[in-house]
Amino acid sequence: GRFGDVVAALDEEDSSSGMGSESEVALPEPLVALLQHVPEQLGRADSQLVAERLSRLLSCLKPREFHRDTPGMLDVDTLKRLCADGVPDEVPALRATTWKLMLGYLPSDVLAWEAALNESRASYAGFVSDLLEDLAAAPSSPSAASGAPSPASAASSSPARCRPRGSTCCSEASAAASTAAPCSVEVHPMLRQISKDVARTRPELDFFAQRVCGEGGGEEDAAEFASRRCSSQGTQAGDIAEPRYHLDIIARILLLYARLNPGVGYVQGMNEICAPIYYLFSQDALADAAAAEADTFFCFGRVVASMQDTFVEDLNHTEGGVLGRMQHIDEVLQQADPLLWQHLVEQSAPPMCYSARWTTTLLAQDLEMPDVLRCWDCLIGDLAGPRPMLHFVCVARVIRIRKQLMSSEEAECLELLQRGHYPSIPLEDTLALAA
């Protein structure tokens, strides 16, 4: 076929790299599976460019790219640069792996992958078990929302283990499991808050309305799920114990995060961050449902940790807080396009009026899912710090509609910026401008 040269090159690399040779370091099973899976999917590539991009990304994970003194180490910086150009949609397993590497969930030493994954997934199973005990012990009546500790919860034989207030448990599974402070989050009131937001997550995608087991899907099933979306009930405690729909999984992940991180808790918009990660990991043909859920939990925690100040109200005015980030976006726009910046100031359209949602959800609410995944290929490698790539993408979004904004007055400007009434500008153009 038209991609025969690329496939042949990959086969040649496999042979020359010594995979399977006794003289080479034994590769972990997750990497071996990926190295075999990607070439098999090349036939789905719709262009030579996509096939070549897949080849370059895979080369970053090849044994010949390992450092001689540390044979398992990967060059993650090079991987980030390649991912910024986009990971092809044709192979979700490759995108999932690169995200895990860029977030630090997978170690840069591939020889440590299996141990790290096994530890994290086992820890997550323990978190779920503790949560279910709390749900069973704590009263579920609205009176539990008063904030008073539940005697049944306080007496739980397996209390959650949490980090100090303001920190996050998700950077390392072992650290979260070993801390000694009992969790103070009331699970039922928190679940009610989370379930309302989760029920509204990505209604345009059938995926989240599908049963986790892959069964169902008939008219009766659709009617039941539609009722849950429209009602205030949402995900219930029983759905946390035995999730039926993919949205129940997201609710469980968010509830666990809030329970283990009382200093941050749950903040509206976290569901929008969690959804794309879970959606991608669920499409990974090399991971089962349990692995997808556990990996989502830890990767979601790492994303939130990289922008944690954004979710803590007391830190709003710091450099990494919401207002500090808005100020940086304002400064970048003023420098990049002084005339447009001055026009928006005169029209009372500061960044706080339109970009707070962009920064707190990483544009997840403003892009279709395929574009979210593509955009995050670029963002995930540069999330940390008060001046991440996200801010430059936000400014690029404003500049891309410069003509419409300059010819609009206050109300029209705000509507253009807030409601996403954007012309059909390819995302790649926006990312190129941001770079």
Foldseek 3Di string as FASTA:
>chain_A
DVQVVLLVVLVVLCVVLQAVPPVDDDFDPLLVVVSVPLSVQLVVDPDNVLSVLSSVLNVQCGQVQADPVQSQAGDLVVNLVSLLVPNDPSALQSLLVNLCVLLCQAPRRRVCRVVSLVLLLVLVVVLLVQVLQLQVQFDQDPVLVPQDAGPSNVPRPRFFAADPAPAFCQQGSVSRRPHDDGFSDNLNVLLLVLQLLLLPAPPVDCQQLQFLVRDDPDPVSVVVSVVLSPDSPGDDSVCSVPPTGNSSLLSNLLSSRQRRHVNQHDDRLLSLQLVLQLVSLPPRPVDGNSSSSSSSSSSSRSLCNQLVLCRHPVSQPPCSHLVNLQVVLLVVLCVVPVVLSVQCVVQVNGSVLFCSSCLSNVCSVQDDSVLSSSSVSNQSSFRHDSDTLSSLLLSLQCVQCSVVSVPDHNVSNSCVRHVNPDDPDDSVVSSVSSD
